N, C-alpha and C. Protein backbone atom coordinates (compact mmCIF):
# COMPACT_ATOMS: atom_id res chain seq x y z
N MET A 1 11.14 14.83 -20.64
CA MET A 1 11.33 13.51 -20.10
C MET A 1 10.06 13.12 -19.35
N SER A 2 9.56 11.92 -19.61
CA SER A 2 8.37 11.46 -18.91
C SER A 2 8.78 10.45 -17.84
N GLY A 3 7.89 10.25 -16.94
CA GLY A 3 8.18 9.28 -15.89
C GLY A 3 7.33 9.55 -14.67
N SER A 4 7.53 8.76 -13.67
CA SER A 4 6.80 8.92 -12.42
C SER A 4 7.39 10.06 -11.61
N TYR A 5 6.61 10.57 -10.70
CA TYR A 5 7.11 11.60 -9.79
C TYR A 5 7.61 10.95 -8.52
N ALA A 6 8.74 11.42 -8.06
CA ALA A 6 9.31 10.93 -6.81
C ALA A 6 9.09 12.00 -5.76
N ASP A 7 7.96 11.95 -5.10
CA ASP A 7 7.66 13.02 -4.15
C ASP A 7 7.37 12.51 -2.75
N ASP A 8 7.64 11.25 -2.51
CA ASP A 8 7.35 10.72 -1.19
C ASP A 8 8.58 10.04 -0.61
N THR A 9 9.72 10.70 -0.71
CA THR A 9 10.97 10.15 -0.23
C THR A 9 11.31 10.81 1.09
N GLN A 10 11.76 10.00 2.04
CA GLN A 10 12.12 10.53 3.34
C GLN A 10 13.55 10.13 3.66
N ILE A 11 14.31 11.07 4.15
CA ILE A 11 15.70 10.83 4.54
C ILE A 11 15.81 11.18 6.01
N PHE A 12 16.38 10.27 6.79
CA PHE A 12 16.53 10.48 8.23
C PHE A 12 18.01 10.39 8.59
N TYR A 13 18.42 11.15 9.58
CA TYR A 13 19.79 11.09 10.06
C TYR A 13 19.83 11.61 11.49
N ALA A 14 20.63 11.00 12.33
CA ALA A 14 20.74 11.43 13.72
C ALA A 14 22.22 11.60 14.08
N ASP A 15 22.54 12.72 14.68
CA ASP A 15 23.90 13.00 15.13
C ASP A 15 23.83 14.20 16.06
N ASN A 16 24.76 14.29 16.99
CA ASN A 16 24.78 15.43 17.90
C ASN A 16 25.34 16.68 17.26
N GLU A 17 26.18 16.52 16.25
CA GLU A 17 26.78 17.67 15.58
C GLU A 17 25.91 18.10 14.41
N LEU A 18 25.35 19.30 14.49
CA LEU A 18 24.46 19.80 13.45
C LEU A 18 25.15 19.87 12.09
N SER A 19 26.44 20.21 12.08
CA SER A 19 27.16 20.32 10.80
C SER A 19 27.23 18.96 10.11
N HIS A 20 27.37 17.88 10.89
CA HIS A 20 27.38 16.53 10.29
C HIS A 20 26.03 16.21 9.69
N VAL A 21 24.96 16.56 10.39
CA VAL A 21 23.60 16.30 9.90
C VAL A 21 23.37 17.01 8.58
N GLU A 22 23.71 18.29 8.56
CA GLU A 22 23.50 19.11 7.36
C GLU A 22 24.27 18.53 6.17
N GLU A 23 25.54 18.23 6.36
CA GLU A 23 26.37 17.70 5.28
C GLU A 23 25.89 16.34 4.80
N THR A 24 25.57 15.46 5.73
CA THR A 24 25.14 14.12 5.37
C THR A 24 23.81 14.13 4.62
N ILE A 25 22.85 14.89 5.10
CA ILE A 25 21.54 14.93 4.44
C ILE A 25 21.66 15.59 3.07
N ASN A 26 22.43 16.65 2.95
CA ASN A 26 22.61 17.28 1.64
C ASN A 26 23.26 16.32 0.65
N ASN A 27 24.23 15.51 1.11
CA ASN A 27 24.82 14.49 0.23
C ASN A 27 23.79 13.44 -0.16
N ASP A 28 22.94 13.05 0.78
CA ASP A 28 21.89 12.08 0.47
C ASP A 28 20.89 12.65 -0.53
N LEU A 29 20.59 13.95 -0.40
CA LEU A 29 19.66 14.58 -1.35
C LEU A 29 20.25 14.61 -2.76
N ILE A 30 21.55 14.85 -2.87
CA ILE A 30 22.22 14.82 -4.18
C ILE A 30 22.14 13.41 -4.75
N SER A 31 22.41 12.41 -3.92
CA SER A 31 22.34 11.01 -4.38
C SER A 31 20.93 10.65 -4.82
N ALA A 32 19.93 11.11 -4.09
CA ALA A 32 18.55 10.82 -4.45
C ALA A 32 18.20 11.46 -5.79
N ASP A 33 18.62 12.71 -6.01
CA ASP A 33 18.34 13.38 -7.28
C ASP A 33 19.00 12.65 -8.45
N ILE A 34 20.22 12.18 -8.24
CA ILE A 34 20.92 11.41 -9.30
C ILE A 34 20.15 10.14 -9.59
N TRP A 35 19.70 9.46 -8.55
CA TRP A 35 18.93 8.21 -8.73
C TRP A 35 17.63 8.48 -9.47
N PHE A 36 16.93 9.56 -9.10
CA PHE A 36 15.68 9.91 -9.78
C PHE A 36 15.94 10.14 -11.27
N ALA A 37 16.98 10.89 -11.59
CA ALA A 37 17.29 11.20 -12.99
C ALA A 37 17.62 9.93 -13.77
N ARG A 38 18.40 9.04 -13.18
CA ARG A 38 18.76 7.78 -13.85
C ARG A 38 17.55 6.90 -14.11
N ASN A 39 16.56 7.00 -13.27
CA ASN A 39 15.38 6.14 -13.38
C ASN A 39 14.19 6.84 -14.03
N GLY A 40 14.45 7.97 -14.69
CA GLY A 40 13.40 8.65 -15.43
C GLY A 40 12.33 9.27 -14.56
N MET A 41 12.69 9.66 -13.37
CA MET A 41 11.72 10.24 -12.45
C MET A 41 11.97 11.74 -12.31
N LYS A 42 10.90 12.47 -12.11
CA LYS A 42 11.00 13.91 -11.86
C LYS A 42 10.68 14.14 -10.39
N ARG A 43 11.42 15.00 -9.78
CA ARG A 43 11.11 15.31 -8.38
C ARG A 43 10.07 16.42 -8.33
N ASN A 44 9.22 16.34 -7.35
CA ASN A 44 8.19 17.36 -7.17
C ASN A 44 8.64 18.23 -6.00
N SER A 45 9.40 19.25 -6.29
CA SER A 45 10.01 20.06 -5.24
C SER A 45 9.00 20.79 -4.36
N SER A 46 7.78 20.96 -4.85
CA SER A 46 6.78 21.64 -4.02
C SER A 46 6.38 20.79 -2.81
N LYS A 47 6.66 19.50 -2.87
CA LYS A 47 6.31 18.62 -1.75
C LYS A 47 7.50 18.34 -0.83
N TYR A 48 8.65 18.88 -1.14
CA TYR A 48 9.82 18.68 -0.30
C TYR A 48 9.75 19.61 0.89
N LYS A 49 10.02 19.08 2.06
CA LYS A 49 10.18 19.91 3.26
C LYS A 49 11.00 19.13 4.26
N ALA A 50 11.50 19.83 5.24
CA ALA A 50 12.36 19.21 6.24
C ALA A 50 11.83 19.52 7.63
N MET A 51 12.16 18.66 8.58
CA MET A 51 11.82 18.91 9.98
C MET A 51 13.03 18.50 10.82
N VAL A 52 13.34 19.32 11.78
CA VAL A 52 14.46 19.05 12.67
C VAL A 52 13.89 18.73 14.04
N LEU A 53 14.16 17.53 14.51
CA LEU A 53 13.69 17.10 15.83
C LEU A 53 14.81 17.26 16.85
N GLY A 54 14.47 17.77 18.01
CA GLY A 54 15.43 17.86 19.10
C GLY A 54 16.52 18.89 18.89
N LYS A 55 16.20 19.95 18.17
CA LYS A 55 17.19 21.01 17.93
C LYS A 55 17.42 21.79 19.22
N ASN A 56 18.67 22.10 19.49
CA ASN A 56 19.00 22.89 20.68
C ASN A 56 18.53 24.33 20.49
N LYS A 57 17.98 24.90 21.56
CA LYS A 57 17.54 26.29 21.50
C LYS A 57 18.74 27.20 21.25
N GLY A 58 18.50 28.24 20.49
CA GLY A 58 19.55 29.20 20.21
C GLY A 58 20.41 28.84 19.01
N THR A 59 20.23 27.66 18.43
CA THR A 59 21.00 27.29 17.25
C THR A 59 20.18 27.58 16.00
N ASP A 60 20.87 27.90 14.95
CA ASP A 60 20.20 28.19 13.68
C ASP A 60 19.71 26.90 13.04
N ASP A 61 18.63 27.04 12.25
CA ASP A 61 18.15 25.90 11.50
C ASP A 61 19.19 25.48 10.47
N PRO A 62 19.34 24.19 10.24
CA PRO A 62 20.26 23.76 9.18
C PRO A 62 19.71 24.14 7.81
N VAL A 63 20.57 24.17 6.83
CA VAL A 63 20.17 24.49 5.46
C VAL A 63 20.29 23.22 4.64
N PHE A 64 19.16 22.74 4.14
CA PHE A 64 19.13 21.56 3.27
C PHE A 64 18.80 22.01 1.87
N LYS A 65 19.60 21.56 0.90
CA LYS A 65 19.39 21.98 -0.48
C LYS A 65 19.18 20.77 -1.38
N CYS A 66 18.31 20.97 -2.33
CA CYS A 66 18.05 19.95 -3.33
C CYS A 66 18.00 20.66 -4.68
N GLU A 67 18.90 20.29 -5.58
CA GLU A 67 19.02 20.97 -6.87
C GLU A 67 19.12 22.48 -6.68
N GLU A 68 19.96 22.88 -5.76
CA GLU A 68 20.24 24.28 -5.48
C GLU A 68 19.06 25.08 -4.91
N SER A 69 17.95 24.43 -4.61
CA SER A 69 16.86 25.15 -3.95
C SER A 69 16.81 24.71 -2.49
N GLN A 70 16.61 25.66 -1.59
CA GLN A 70 16.60 25.37 -0.17
C GLN A 70 15.25 24.79 0.23
N LEU A 71 15.29 23.72 1.02
CA LEU A 71 14.06 23.10 1.50
C LEU A 71 13.52 23.88 2.69
N PRO A 72 12.21 24.11 2.72
CA PRO A 72 11.64 24.80 3.89
C PRO A 72 11.68 23.90 5.12
N ILE A 73 12.00 24.51 6.26
CA ILE A 73 11.99 23.79 7.54
C ILE A 73 10.58 23.92 8.11
N SER A 74 9.95 22.79 8.42
CA SER A 74 8.58 22.78 8.91
C SER A 74 8.55 22.40 10.39
N ASN A 75 7.57 22.92 11.12
CA ASN A 75 7.38 22.54 12.52
C ASN A 75 6.52 21.30 12.67
N THR A 76 5.69 21.03 11.66
CA THR A 76 4.84 19.84 11.68
C THR A 76 4.92 19.14 10.33
N MET A 77 4.59 17.84 10.36
CA MET A 77 4.61 17.05 9.15
C MET A 77 3.64 15.89 9.31
N GLU A 78 3.00 15.53 8.24
CA GLU A 78 2.08 14.41 8.29
C GLU A 78 2.74 13.19 7.66
N LEU A 79 2.84 12.12 8.43
CA LEU A 79 3.41 10.86 7.96
C LEU A 79 2.41 9.75 8.22
N LEU A 80 1.96 9.11 7.16
CA LEU A 80 1.00 8.01 7.25
C LEU A 80 -0.24 8.41 8.04
N GLY A 81 -0.69 9.64 7.85
CA GLY A 81 -1.92 10.10 8.49
C GLY A 81 -1.75 10.60 9.90
N VAL A 82 -0.54 10.59 10.42
CA VAL A 82 -0.29 11.08 11.78
C VAL A 82 0.48 12.39 11.68
N THR A 83 -0.03 13.43 12.29
CA THR A 83 0.64 14.72 12.29
C THR A 83 1.62 14.75 13.46
N ILE A 84 2.90 14.86 13.13
CA ILE A 84 3.92 14.95 14.17
C ILE A 84 4.46 16.36 14.17
N ASP A 85 5.03 16.76 15.29
CA ASP A 85 5.64 18.08 15.37
C ASP A 85 7.05 17.94 15.89
N GLU A 86 7.76 19.05 15.89
CA GLU A 86 9.18 19.01 16.24
C GLU A 86 9.44 18.61 17.70
N LYS A 87 8.41 18.66 18.54
CA LYS A 87 8.56 18.27 19.94
C LYS A 87 8.06 16.85 20.20
N SER A 88 7.54 16.21 19.18
CA SER A 88 7.01 14.84 19.27
C SER A 88 5.94 14.69 20.35
N ASN A 89 5.06 15.69 20.48
CA ASN A 89 4.00 15.57 21.47
C ASN A 89 2.61 15.38 20.85
N PHE A 90 2.52 15.41 19.53
CA PHE A 90 1.31 15.08 18.79
C PHE A 90 0.11 15.97 19.13
N GLU A 91 0.37 17.16 19.60
CA GLU A 91 -0.71 18.08 19.97
C GLU A 91 -1.51 18.56 18.75
N LYS A 92 -0.94 18.50 17.58
CA LYS A 92 -1.66 18.90 16.36
C LYS A 92 -2.48 17.73 15.80
N HIS A 93 -2.14 16.52 16.19
CA HIS A 93 -2.82 15.33 15.68
C HIS A 93 -4.15 15.07 16.40
N ILE A 94 -4.19 15.31 17.68
CA ILE A 94 -5.37 15.01 18.50
C ILE A 94 -6.61 15.77 18.02
N PRO A 95 -6.54 17.08 17.75
CA PRO A 95 -7.74 17.78 17.27
C PRO A 95 -8.28 17.22 15.95
N LYS A 96 -7.38 16.72 15.09
CA LYS A 96 -7.83 16.12 13.83
C LYS A 96 -8.65 14.86 14.09
N ILE A 97 -8.21 14.04 15.02
CA ILE A 97 -8.95 12.82 15.37
C ILE A 97 -10.31 13.20 15.95
N CYS A 98 -10.31 14.14 16.88
CA CYS A 98 -11.57 14.55 17.52
C CYS A 98 -12.55 15.11 16.50
N ARG A 99 -12.06 15.90 15.56
CA ARG A 99 -12.94 16.48 14.53
C ARG A 99 -13.53 15.38 13.64
N LYS A 100 -12.70 14.44 13.20
CA LYS A 100 -13.20 13.36 12.34
C LYS A 100 -14.25 12.52 13.06
N VAL A 101 -13.97 12.14 14.29
CA VAL A 101 -14.90 11.32 15.05
C VAL A 101 -16.19 12.09 15.34
N SER A 102 -16.08 13.35 15.70
CA SER A 102 -17.28 14.16 15.97
C SER A 102 -18.17 14.26 14.74
N GLN A 103 -17.56 14.42 13.57
CA GLN A 103 -18.34 14.47 12.33
C GLN A 103 -19.06 13.15 12.08
N GLN A 104 -18.39 12.05 12.33
CA GLN A 104 -19.02 10.75 12.12
C GLN A 104 -20.15 10.51 13.12
N ILE A 105 -19.95 10.93 14.36
CA ILE A 105 -21.00 10.78 15.36
C ILE A 105 -22.22 11.60 14.95
N ALA A 106 -22.00 12.82 14.46
CA ALA A 106 -23.12 13.68 14.05
C ALA A 106 -23.92 13.03 12.93
N VAL A 107 -23.26 12.43 11.98
CA VAL A 107 -23.96 11.75 10.88
C VAL A 107 -24.75 10.56 11.41
N LEU A 108 -24.14 9.78 12.27
CA LEU A 108 -24.81 8.58 12.79
C LEU A 108 -25.97 8.94 13.71
N LYS A 109 -25.87 10.03 14.44
CA LYS A 109 -26.96 10.43 15.34
C LYS A 109 -28.25 10.75 14.59
N ARG A 110 -28.10 11.22 13.35
CA ARG A 110 -29.29 11.52 12.55
C ARG A 110 -30.12 10.27 12.28
N MET A 111 -29.45 9.12 12.28
CA MET A 111 -30.14 7.85 12.00
C MET A 111 -30.33 7.00 13.24
N GLN A 112 -30.03 7.55 14.40
CA GLN A 112 -30.00 6.79 15.64
C GLN A 112 -31.30 6.03 15.91
N LYS A 113 -32.45 6.67 15.67
CA LYS A 113 -33.73 6.02 15.98
C LYS A 113 -34.06 4.87 15.03
N LEU A 114 -33.43 4.88 13.88
CA LEU A 114 -33.69 3.83 12.89
C LEU A 114 -32.80 2.60 13.07
N LEU A 115 -31.74 2.75 13.85
CA LEU A 115 -30.73 1.69 13.95
C LEU A 115 -30.87 0.90 15.25
N PRO A 116 -30.90 -0.41 15.15
CA PRO A 116 -30.90 -1.23 16.37
C PRO A 116 -29.51 -1.19 17.04
N PHE A 117 -29.46 -1.63 18.29
CA PHE A 117 -28.23 -1.59 19.07
C PHE A 117 -27.06 -2.26 18.35
N GLU A 118 -27.29 -3.46 17.81
CA GLU A 118 -26.21 -4.21 17.16
C GLU A 118 -25.61 -3.43 15.99
N THR A 119 -26.45 -2.75 15.23
CA THR A 119 -25.97 -1.96 14.09
C THR A 119 -25.17 -0.76 14.58
N ARG A 120 -25.68 -0.08 15.62
CA ARG A 120 -24.94 1.06 16.19
C ARG A 120 -23.59 0.60 16.71
N ARG A 121 -23.56 -0.54 17.39
CA ARG A 121 -22.31 -1.08 17.91
C ARG A 121 -21.34 -1.40 16.76
N ASP A 122 -21.84 -2.03 15.72
CA ASP A 122 -20.99 -2.38 14.58
C ASP A 122 -20.47 -1.14 13.85
N LEU A 123 -21.32 -0.11 13.74
CA LEU A 123 -20.88 1.14 13.12
C LEU A 123 -19.79 1.81 13.96
N TYR A 124 -19.95 1.76 15.28
CA TYR A 124 -18.92 2.31 16.17
C TYR A 124 -17.60 1.57 15.96
N LYS A 125 -17.67 0.24 15.93
CA LYS A 125 -16.45 -0.56 15.76
C LYS A 125 -15.80 -0.35 14.39
N ALA A 126 -16.61 -0.13 13.36
CA ALA A 126 -16.09 -0.01 12.01
C ALA A 126 -15.61 1.39 11.65
N PHE A 127 -16.32 2.43 12.12
CA PHE A 127 -16.03 3.77 11.65
C PHE A 127 -15.43 4.71 12.69
N ILE A 128 -15.63 4.43 13.96
CA ILE A 128 -15.15 5.35 14.99
C ILE A 128 -13.95 4.78 15.75
N LEU A 129 -14.05 3.57 16.21
CA LEU A 129 -12.98 2.96 17.00
C LEU A 129 -11.63 2.93 16.28
N PRO A 130 -11.57 2.70 14.96
CA PRO A 130 -10.25 2.71 14.30
C PRO A 130 -9.50 4.03 14.44
N HIS A 131 -10.21 5.14 14.55
CA HIS A 131 -9.53 6.43 14.75
C HIS A 131 -8.81 6.46 16.10
N PHE A 132 -9.39 5.81 17.09
CA PHE A 132 -8.76 5.78 18.41
C PHE A 132 -7.64 4.73 18.48
N ASN A 133 -7.75 3.67 17.71
CA ASN A 133 -6.75 2.60 17.76
C ASN A 133 -5.52 2.87 16.90
N TYR A 134 -5.69 3.60 15.79
CA TYR A 134 -4.57 3.83 14.88
C TYR A 134 -3.53 4.72 15.54
N CYS A 135 -2.34 4.21 15.67
CA CYS A 135 -1.21 4.92 16.29
C CYS A 135 -1.54 5.44 17.68
N SER A 136 -2.26 4.65 18.44
CA SER A 136 -2.66 5.09 19.78
C SER A 136 -1.46 5.25 20.72
N GLU A 137 -0.32 4.69 20.36
CA GLU A 137 0.88 4.86 21.19
C GLU A 137 1.27 6.32 21.30
N THR A 138 0.92 7.11 20.29
CA THR A 138 1.29 8.53 20.30
C THR A 138 0.59 9.28 21.43
N TRP A 139 -0.52 8.78 21.90
CA TRP A 139 -1.28 9.49 22.93
C TRP A 139 -0.58 9.47 24.27
N HIS A 140 0.38 8.57 24.45
CA HIS A 140 1.14 8.55 25.70
C HIS A 140 2.03 9.79 25.81
N LEU A 141 2.27 10.43 24.67
CA LEU A 141 3.15 11.60 24.64
C LEU A 141 2.38 12.92 24.65
N CYS A 142 1.06 12.86 24.62
CA CYS A 142 0.28 14.10 24.62
C CYS A 142 -0.04 14.52 26.06
N ASN A 143 -0.44 15.77 26.20
CA ASN A 143 -0.71 16.28 27.55
C ASN A 143 -2.10 15.82 28.04
N LYS A 144 -2.39 16.10 29.30
CA LYS A 144 -3.65 15.66 29.92
C LYS A 144 -4.86 16.28 29.23
N LYS A 145 -4.76 17.54 28.84
CA LYS A 145 -5.89 18.22 28.18
C LYS A 145 -6.27 17.49 26.89
N SER A 146 -5.29 17.10 26.10
CA SER A 146 -5.57 16.38 24.85
C SER A 146 -6.12 14.99 25.13
N ALA A 147 -5.56 14.31 26.12
CA ALA A 147 -6.06 12.97 26.47
C ALA A 147 -7.51 13.06 26.95
N ASP A 148 -7.82 14.08 27.73
CA ASP A 148 -9.20 14.27 28.20
C ASP A 148 -10.15 14.55 27.03
N LYS A 149 -9.67 15.30 26.06
CA LYS A 149 -10.48 15.61 24.88
C LYS A 149 -10.81 14.33 24.10
N LEU A 150 -9.82 13.47 23.93
CA LEU A 150 -10.04 12.19 23.25
C LEU A 150 -11.05 11.34 24.02
N GLU A 151 -10.90 11.31 25.32
CA GLU A 151 -11.81 10.53 26.16
C GLU A 151 -13.23 11.05 26.07
N MET A 152 -13.38 12.37 26.06
CA MET A 152 -14.71 12.98 25.97
C MET A 152 -15.40 12.62 24.65
N VAL A 153 -14.66 12.65 23.55
CA VAL A 153 -15.23 12.32 22.24
C VAL A 153 -15.60 10.84 22.20
N ASN A 154 -14.77 10.00 22.77
CA ASN A 154 -15.09 8.56 22.80
C ASN A 154 -16.34 8.30 23.64
N LYS A 155 -16.50 9.00 24.75
CA LYS A 155 -17.70 8.84 25.58
C LYS A 155 -18.95 9.26 24.80
N ARG A 156 -18.85 10.33 24.02
CA ARG A 156 -19.98 10.75 23.18
C ARG A 156 -20.35 9.65 22.19
N ALA A 157 -19.34 9.03 21.61
CA ALA A 157 -19.59 7.95 20.65
C ALA A 157 -20.27 6.77 21.35
N LEU A 158 -19.81 6.44 22.54
CA LEU A 158 -20.40 5.32 23.28
C LEU A 158 -21.82 5.64 23.73
N ARG A 159 -22.10 6.91 24.03
CA ARG A 159 -23.48 7.30 24.36
C ARG A 159 -24.38 7.11 23.15
N PHE A 160 -23.86 7.35 21.95
CA PHE A 160 -24.63 7.10 20.73
C PHE A 160 -24.97 5.62 20.64
N VAL A 161 -23.98 4.77 20.88
CA VAL A 161 -24.18 3.33 20.78
C VAL A 161 -25.23 2.85 21.78
N SER A 162 -25.11 3.29 23.01
CA SER A 162 -25.98 2.80 24.07
C SER A 162 -27.28 3.61 24.22
N LYS A 163 -27.43 4.68 23.46
CA LYS A 163 -28.57 5.59 23.57
C LYS A 163 -28.73 6.08 25.01
N ASP A 164 -27.61 6.32 25.66
CA ASP A 164 -27.59 6.78 27.05
C ASP A 164 -27.14 8.23 27.07
N LYS A 165 -27.96 9.11 27.54
CA LYS A 165 -27.62 10.53 27.55
C LYS A 165 -26.69 10.91 28.69
N SER A 166 -26.53 10.04 29.65
CA SER A 166 -25.63 10.35 30.78
C SER A 166 -24.30 9.69 30.56
């Protein structure tokens, strides 16, 4: 059977009773598989994974099954370029931003003497600032150490723009 792959489907459910969550999501997974089959789509089970947010300590992970195979429970997941974790504190996302921005600053610094201020400013606005603006609401949930790290990387970028070493 040919067709598109259905590998980017997300199912969400919230309830205080873990047994309700498990049953409801497993029923939704069965419905999704039926829909995929009817529409000539193949599921890519290697991309299926689950994450449980707000699980009580001491309770077992729920078991989610799709076509009789158990989905792995993950502690982190990337959604639209943002790495979230089971505690919703985005501590895994911040280092990725800092690494990307640091790499861009390093490339731009090689050309620093050739670029006038306006060009450096425009490059900062086009290539560096969007990393800080995209989903910036998540930073309210990160700890002080991560926030300080983001601030330090942004200051380095601004020093590149202004050619100010202090």
